[in-house]
Amino acid sequence: MIVMNTQELVNYLDELLYDSTGKHIDSLQVAILKGVLNGEKYQDIAKEYKCSASHAKDEAYKLWRLLSQTLN
């Protein structure tokens, strides 16, 4: 069984998305991934990132969609 910590998983997903899209994940996407993996709500992630909860939620939706398409 492979066990990854949060940063390792973020790095893996970044590499995966870079291979697929040619773009690295941005800092808000990293904050979303780490926050969700640590059980935070979008409102908490937004507060830490200093953006609105709706912006964090919109960006999360785009990230989940991109990951879903990449991973099939």
PDB file of N, CA and C in Angstrom:
ATOM      1  N   MET A   1       0.843  -1.176   0.000  1.00  0.00           N
ATOM      2  CA  MET A   1       0.000   0.000   0.000  1.00  0.00           C
ATOM      3  C   MET A   1       0.894   1.248   0.000  1.00  0.00           C
ATOM      4  N   ILE A   2       0.568   2.191  -0.881  1.00  0.00           N
ATOM      5  CA  ILE A   2       1.322   3.441  -0.974  1.00  0.00           C
ATOM      6  C   ILE A   2       0.634   4.496  -0.120  1.00  0.00           C
ATOM      7  N   VAL A   3       1.406   5.161   0.725  1.00  0.00           N
ATOM      8  CA  VAL A   3       0.881   6.225   1.559  1.00  0.00           C
ATOM      9  C   VAL A   3       1.594   7.517   1.178  1.00  0.00           C
ATOM     10  N   MET A   4       0.808   8.557   0.895  1.00  0.00           N
ATOM     11  CA  MET A   4       1.376   9.851   0.532  1.00  0.00           C
ATOM     12  C   MET A   4       0.937  10.887   1.552  1.00  0.00           C
ATOM     13  N   ASN A   5       1.824  11.830   1.823  1.00  0.00           N
ATOM     14  CA  ASN A   5       1.378  12.944   2.640  1.00  0.00           C
ATOM     15  C   ASN A   5       0.743  13.983   1.716  1.00  0.00           C
ATOM     16  N   THR A   6       0.182  15.009   2.289  1.00  0.00           N
ATOM     17  CA  THR A   6      -0.551  16.006   1.514  1.00  0.00           C
ATOM     18  C   THR A   6       0.327  16.642   0.440  1.00  0.00           C
ATOM     19  N   GLN A   7       1.531  17.041   0.799  1.00  0.00           N
ATOM     20  CA  GLN A   7       2.411  17.703  -0.171  1.00  0.00           C
ATOM     21  C   GLN A   7       2.794  16.768  -1.308  1.00  0.00           C
ATOM     22  N   GLU A   8       3.032  15.503  -0.996  1.00  0.00           N
ATOM     23  CA  GLU A   8       3.363  14.533  -2.039  1.00  0.00           C
ATOM     24  C   GLU A   8       2.202  14.372  -3.017  1.00  0.00           C
ATOM     25  N   LEU A   9       0.986  14.344  -2.489  1.00  0.00           N
ATOM     26  CA  LEU A   9      -0.188  14.219  -3.343  1.00  0.00           C
ATOM     27  C   LEU A   9      -0.361  15.456  -4.215  1.00  0.00           C
ATOM     28  N   VAL A  10      -0.172  16.635  -3.630  1.00  0.00           N
ATOM     29  CA  VAL A  10      -0.253  17.876  -4.406  1.00  0.00           C
ATOM     30  C   VAL A  10       0.795  17.862  -5.518  1.00  0.00           C
ATOM     31  N   ASN A  11       2.004  17.452  -5.200  1.00  0.00           N
ATOM     32  CA  ASN A  11       3.068  17.374  -6.209  1.00  0.00           C
ATOM     33  C   ASN A  11       2.714  16.391  -7.323  1.00  0.00           C
ATOM     34  N   TYR A  12       2.163  15.248  -6.944  1.00  0.00           N
ATOM     35  CA  TYR A  12       1.755  14.239  -7.922  1.00  0.00           C
ATOM     36  C   TYR A  12       0.683  14.796  -8.854  1.00  0.00           C
ATOM     37  N   LEU A  13      -0.339  15.433  -8.281  1.00  0.00           N
ATOM     38  CA  LEU A  13      -1.419  15.987  -9.097  1.00  0.00           C
ATOM     39  C   LEU A  13      -0.914  17.117  -9.985  1.00  0.00           C
ATOM     40  N   ASP A  14       0.019  17.916  -9.477  1.00  0.00           N
ATOM     41  CA  ASP A  14       0.608  18.978 -10.290  1.00  0.00           C
ATOM     42  C   ASP A  14       1.320  18.391 -11.500  1.00  0.00           C
ATOM     43  N   GLU A  15       2.115  17.366 -11.285  1.00  0.00           N
ATOM     44  CA  GLU A  15       2.823  16.715 -12.391  1.00  0.00           C
ATOM     45  C   GLU A  15       1.843  16.103 -13.391  1.00  0.00           C
ATOM     46  N   LEU A  16       0.822  15.467 -12.867  1.00  0.00           N
ATOM     47  CA  LEU A  16      -0.194  14.850 -13.712  1.00  0.00           C
ATOM     48  C   LEU A  16      -0.885  15.892 -14.587  1.00  0.00           C
ATOM     49  N   LEU A  17      -1.296  17.002 -13.972  1.00  0.00           N
ATOM     50  CA  LEU A  17      -1.977  18.051 -14.732  1.00  0.00           C
ATOM     51  C   LEU A  17      -1.016  18.747 -15.692  1.00  0.00           C
ATOM     52  N   TYR A  18       0.235  18.916 -15.284  1.00  0.00           N
ATOM     53  CA  TYR A  18       1.217  19.534 -16.177  1.00  0.00           C
ATOM     54  C   TYR A  18       1.428  18.669 -17.421  1.00  0.00           C
ATOM     55  N   ASP A  19       1.533  17.368 -17.216  1.00  0.00           N
ATOM     56  CA  ASP A  19       1.695  16.453 -18.350  1.00  0.00           C
ATOM     57  C   ASP A  19       0.497  16.515 -19.290  1.00  0.00           C
ATOM     58  N   SER A  20      -0.684  16.731 -18.739  1.00  0.00           N
ATOM     59  CA  SER A  20      -1.916  16.747 -19.520  1.00  0.00           C
ATOM     60  C   SER A  20      -2.189  18.106 -20.173  1.00  0.00           C
ATOM     61  N   THR A  21      -1.896  19.192 -19.449  1.00  0.00           N
ATOM     62  CA  THR A  21      -2.290  20.530 -19.914  1.00  0.00           C
ATOM     63  C   THR A  21      -1.121  21.451 -20.261  1.00  0.00           C
ATOM     64  N   GLY A  22       0.074  21.118 -19.788  1.00  0.00           N
ATOM     65  CA  GLY A  22       1.217  22.003 -19.980  1.00  0.00           C
ATOM     66  C   GLY A  22       1.254  23.155 -18.995  1.00  0.00           C
ATOM     67  N   LYS A  23       0.356  23.118 -17.996  1.00  0.00           N
ATOM     68  CA  LYS A  23       0.299  24.176 -16.985  1.00  0.00           C
ATOM     69  C   LYS A  23       0.368  23.555 -15.590  1.00  0.00           C
ATOM     70  N   HIS A  24       1.104  24.234 -14.706  1.00  0.00           N
ATOM     71  CA  HIS A  24       1.153  23.817 -13.311  1.00  0.00           C
ATOM     72  C   HIS A  24      -0.075  24.339 -12.583  1.00  0.00           C
ATOM     73  N   ILE A  25      -0.435  23.699 -11.485  1.00  0.00           N
ATOM     74  CA  ILE A  25      -1.530  24.219 -10.672  1.00  0.00           C
ATOM     75  C   ILE A  25      -1.062  25.500  -9.986  1.00  0.00           C
ATOM     76  N   ASP A  26      -1.997  26.427  -9.789  1.00  0.00           N
ATOM     77  CA  ASP A  26      -1.614  27.706  -9.193  1.00  0.00           C
ATOM     78  C   ASP A  26      -1.751  27.655  -7.672  1.00  0.00           C
ATOM     79  N   SER A  27      -1.395  28.742  -7.035  1.00  0.00           N
ATOM     80  CA  SER A  27      -1.356  28.758  -5.566  1.00  0.00           C
ATOM     81  C   SER A  27      -2.738  28.584  -4.931  1.00  0.00           C
ATOM     82  N   LEU A  28      -3.779  29.105  -5.557  1.00  0.00           N
ATOM     83  CA  LEU A  28      -5.124  28.901  -5.015  1.00  0.00           C
ATOM     84  C   LEU A  28      -5.524  27.434  -5.156  1.00  0.00           C
ATOM     85  N   GLN A  29      -5.203  26.828  -6.261  1.00  0.00           N
ATOM     86  CA  GLN A  29      -5.508  25.408  -6.439  1.00  0.00           C
ATOM     87  C   GLN A  29      -4.775  24.559  -5.413  1.00  0.00           C
ATOM     88  N   VAL A  30      -3.544  24.913  -5.114  1.00  0.00           N
ATOM     89  CA  VAL A  30      -2.789  24.208  -4.076  1.00  0.00           C
ATOM     90  C   VAL A  30      -3.488  24.379  -2.732  1.00  0.00           C
ATOM     91  N   ALA A  31      -3.918  25.603  -2.435  1.00  0.00           N
ATOM     92  CA  ALA A  31      -4.615  25.867  -1.170  1.00  0.00           C
ATOM     93  C   ALA A  31      -5.910  25.066  -1.094  1.00  0.00           C
ATOM     94  N   ILE A  32      -6.617  24.956  -2.208  1.00  0.00           N
ATOM     95  CA  ILE A  32      -7.868  24.182  -2.248  1.00  0.00           C
ATOM     96  C   ILE A  32      -7.581  22.712  -1.989  1.00  0.00           C
ATOM     97  N   LEU A  33      -6.600  22.164  -2.695  1.00  0.00           N
ATOM     98  CA  LEU A  33      -6.263  20.752  -2.494  1.00  0.00           C
ATOM     99  C   LEU A  33      -5.870  20.469  -1.051  1.00  0.00           C
ATOM    100  N   LYS A  34      -4.954  21.274  -0.523  1.00  0.00           N
ATOM    101  CA  LYS A  34      -4.505  21.047   0.848  1.00  0.00           C
ATOM    102  C   LYS A  34      -5.645  21.241   1.839  1.00  0.00           C
ATOM    103  N   GLY A  35      -6.446  22.273   1.626  1.00  0.00           N
ATOM    104  CA  GLY A  35      -7.565  22.533   2.530  1.00  0.00           C
ATOM    105  C   GLY A  35      -8.570  21.402   2.542  1.00  0.00           C
ATOM    106  N   VAL A  36      -8.957  20.948   1.362  1.00  0.00           N
ATOM    107  CA  VAL A  36      -9.935  19.857   1.274  1.00  0.00           C
ATOM    108  C   VAL A  36      -9.375  18.580   1.889  1.00  0.00           C
ATOM    109  N   LEU A  37      -8.104  18.302   1.615  1.00  0.00           N
ATOM    110  CA  LEU A  37      -7.492  17.102   2.188  1.00  0.00           C
ATOM    111  C   LEU A  37      -7.397  17.172   3.712  1.00  0.00           C
ATOM    112  N   ASN A  38      -7.380  18.381   4.239  1.00  0.00           N
ATOM    113  CA  ASN A  38      -7.332  18.571   5.693  1.00  0.00           C
ATOM    114  C   ASN A  38      -8.716  18.833   6.291  1.00  0.00           C
ATOM    115  N   GLY A  39      -9.761  18.618   5.502  1.00  0.00           N
ATOM    116  CA  GLY A  39     -11.130  18.720   6.008  1.00  0.00           C
ATOM    117  C   GLY A  39     -11.662  20.134   6.157  1.00  0.00           C
ATOM    118  N   GLU A  40     -11.020  21.108   5.502  1.00  0.00           N
ATOM    119  CA  GLU A  40     -11.489  22.489   5.593  1.00  0.00           C
ATOM    120  C   GLU A  40     -12.623  22.744   4.608  1.00  0.00           C
ATOM    121  N   LYS A  41     -13.456  23.705   4.927  1.00  0.00           N
ATOM    122  CA  LYS A  41     -14.519  24.135   4.031  1.00  0.00           C
ATOM    123  C   LYS A  41     -13.975  25.237   3.133  1.00  0.00           C
ATOM    124  N   TYR A  42     -14.674  25.469   2.009  1.00  0.00           N
ATOM    125  CA  TYR A  42     -14.220  26.492   1.077  1.00  0.00           C
ATOM    126  C   TYR A  42     -14.139  27.871   1.741  1.00  0.00           C
ATOM    127  N   GLN A  43     -15.034  28.137   2.648  1.00  0.00           N
ATOM    128  CA  GLN A  43     -15.021  29.422   3.355  1.00  0.00           C
ATOM    129  C   GLN A  43     -13.724  29.587   4.148  1.00  0.00           C
ATOM    130  N   ASP A  44     -13.271  28.513   4.793  1.00  0.00           N
ATOM    131  CA  ASP A  44     -12.017  28.556   5.551  1.00  0.00           C
ATOM    132  C   ASP A  44     -10.815  28.720   4.625  1.00  0.00           C
ATOM    133  N   ILE A  45     -10.848  28.011   3.508  1.00  0.00           N
ATOM    134  CA  ILE A  45      -9.761  28.099   2.532  1.00  0.00           C
ATOM    135  C   ILE A  45      -9.688  29.531   1.987  1.00  0.00           C
ATOM    136  N   ALA A  46     -10.835  30.094   1.661  1.00  0.00           N
ATOM    137  CA  ALA A  46     -10.893  31.457   1.130  1.00  0.00           C
ATOM    138  C   ALA A  46     -10.346  32.469   2.128  1.00  0.00           C
ATOM    139  N   LYS A  47     -10.697  32.283   3.379  1.00  0.00           N
ATOM    140  CA  LYS A  47     -10.221  33.205   4.414  1.00  0.00           C
ATOM    141  C   LYS A  47      -8.694  33.164   4.520  1.00  0.00           C
ATOM    142  N   GLU A  48      -8.136  31.967   4.504  1.00  0.00           N
ATOM    143  CA  GLU A  48      -6.680  31.811   4.570  1.00  0.00           C
ATOM    144  C   GLU A  48      -6.012  32.379   3.321  1.00  0.00           C
ATOM    145  N   TYR A  49      -6.663  32.210   2.159  1.00  0.00           N
ATOM    146  CA  TYR A  49      -6.086  32.656   0.899  1.00  0.00           C
ATOM    147  C   TYR A  49      -6.390  34.133   0.622  1.00  0.00           C
ATOM    148  N   LYS A  50      -7.275  34.704   1.424  1.00  0.00           N
ATOM    149  CA  LYS A  50      -7.685  36.105   1.284  1.00  0.00           C
ATOM    150  C   LYS A  50      -8.429  36.362  -0.029  1.00  0.00           C
ATOM    151  N   CYS A  51      -9.440  35.533  -0.266  1.00  0.00           N
ATOM    152  CA  CYS A  51     -10.340  35.733  -1.401  1.00  0.00           C
ATOM    153  C   CYS A  51     -11.747  35.414  -0.924  1.00  0.00           C
ATOM    154  N   SER A  52     -12.723  35.638  -1.757  1.00  0.00           N
ATOM    155  CA  SER A  52     -14.101  35.362  -1.360  1.00  0.00           C
ATOM    156  C   SER A  52     -14.361  33.853  -1.406  1.00  0.00           C
ATOM    157  N   ALA A  53     -15.320  33.430  -0.613  1.00  0.00           N
ATOM    158  CA  ALA A  53     -15.688  32.011  -0.593  1.00  0.00           C
ATOM    159  C   ALA A  53     -16.235  31.585  -1.957  1.00  0.00           C
ATOM    160  N   SER A  54     -16.973  32.465  -2.619  1.00  0.00           N
ATOM    161  CA  SER A  54     -17.523  32.110  -3.931  1.00  0.00           C
ATOM    162  C   SER A  54     -16.410  31.943  -4.966  1.00  0.00           C
ATOM    163  N   HIS A  55     -15.362  32.753  -4.879  1.00  0.00           N
ATOM    164  CA  HIS A  55     -14.231  32.605  -5.802  1.00  0.00           C
ATOM    165  C   HIS A  55     -13.520  31.272  -5.545  1.00  0.00           C
ATOM    166  N   ALA A  56     -13.298  30.954  -4.294  1.00  0.00           N
ATOM    167  CA  ALA A  56     -12.647  29.682  -3.958  1.00  0.00           C
ATOM    168  C   ALA A  56     -13.496  28.509  -4.444  1.00  0.00           C
ATOM    169  N   LYS A  57     -14.794  28.611  -4.271  1.00  0.00           N
ATOM    170  CA  LYS A  57     -15.702  27.552  -4.703  1.00  0.00           C
ATOM    171  C   LYS A  57     -15.690  27.408  -6.227  1.00  0.00           C
ATOM    172  N   ASP A  58     -15.701  28.542  -6.941  1.00  0.00           N
ATOM    173  CA  ASP A  58     -15.651  28.499  -8.407  1.00  0.00           C
ATOM    174  C   ASP A  58     -14.355  27.872  -8.904  1.00  0.00           C
ATOM    175  N   GLU A  59     -13.249  28.264  -8.285  1.00  0.00           N
ATOM    176  CA  GLU A  59     -11.952  27.719  -8.684  1.00  0.00           C
ATOM    177  C   GLU A  59     -11.846  26.236  -8.337  1.00  0.00           C
ATOM    178  N   ALA A  60     -12.434  25.841  -7.218  1.00  0.00           N
ATOM    179  CA  ALA A  60     -12.450  24.426  -6.842  1.00  0.00           C
ATOM    180  C   ALA A  60     -13.227  23.612  -7.871  1.00  0.00           C
ATOM    181  N   TYR A  61     -14.369  24.147  -8.302  1.00  0.00           N
ATOM    182  CA  TYR A  61     -15.172  23.459  -9.313  1.00  0.00           C
ATOM    183  C   TYR A  61     -14.339  23.222 -10.574  1.00  0.00           C
ATOM    184  N   LYS A  62     -13.611  24.259 -11.019  1.00  0.00           N
ATOM    185  CA  LYS A  62     -12.769  24.131 -12.210  1.00  0.00           C
ATOM    186  C   LYS A  62     -11.667  23.089 -11.992  1.00  0.00           C
ATOM    187  N   LEU A  63     -11.085  23.103 -10.799  1.00  0.00           N
ATOM    188  CA  LEU A  63     -10.018  22.145 -10.479  1.00  0.00           C
ATOM    189  C   LEU A  63     -10.550  20.723 -10.476  1.00  0.00           C
ATOM    190  N   TRP A  64     -11.692  20.480  -9.836  1.00  0.00           N
ATOM    191  CA  TRP A  64     -12.252  19.117  -9.787  1.00  0.00           C
ATOM    192  C   TRP A  64     -12.622  18.639 -11.188  1.00  0.00           C
ATOM    193  N   ARG A  65     -13.134  19.554 -12.014  1.00  0.00           N
ATOM    194  CA  ARG A  65     -13.499  19.204 -13.378  1.00  0.00           C
ATOM    195  C   ARG A  65     -12.242  18.818 -14.180  1.00  0.00           C
ATOM    196  N   LEU A  66     -11.195  19.610 -14.032  1.00  0.00           N
ATOM    197  CA  LEU A  66      -9.942  19.344 -14.723  1.00  0.00           C
ATOM    198  C   LEU A  66      -9.335  18.016 -14.276  1.00  0.00           C
ATOM    199  N   LEU A  67      -9.334  17.770 -12.974  1.00  0.00           N
ATOM    200  CA  LEU A  67      -8.819  16.498 -12.467  1.00  0.00           C
ATOM    201  C   LEU A  67      -9.663  15.331 -12.959  1.00  0.00           C
ATOM    202  N   SER A  68     -10.961  15.504 -12.969  1.00  0.00           N
ATOM    203  CA  SER A  68     -11.860  14.458 -13.436  1.00  0.00           C
ATOM    204  C   SER A  68     -11.596  14.124 -14.895  1.00  0.00           C
ATOM    205  N   GLN A  69     -11.426  15.152 -15.727  1.00  0.00           N
ATOM    206  CA  GLN A  69     -11.149  14.924 -17.147  1.00  0.00           C
ATOM    207  C   GLN A  69      -9.787  14.253 -17.327  1.00  0.00           C
ATOM    208  N   THR A  70      -8.813  14.677 -16.550  1.00  0.00           N
ATOM    209  CA  THR A  70      -7.470  14.128 -16.672  1.00  0.00           C
ATOM    210  C   THR A  70      -7.406  12.676 -16.235  1.00  0.00           C
ATOM    211  N   LEU A  71      -8.137  12.365 -15.169  1.00  0.00           N
ATOM    212  CA  LEU A  71      -8.109  11.006 -14.617  1.00  0.00           C
ATOM    213  C   LEU A  71      -9.163  10.087 -15.220  1.00  0.00           C
ATOM    214  N   ASN A  72     -10.030  10.649 -16.066  1.00  0.00           N
ATOM    215  CA  ASN A  72     -11.150   9.905 -16.664  1.00  0.00           C
ATOM    216  C   ASN A  72     -12.096   9.449 -15.602  1.00  0.00           C
TER     217      ASN A  72
END
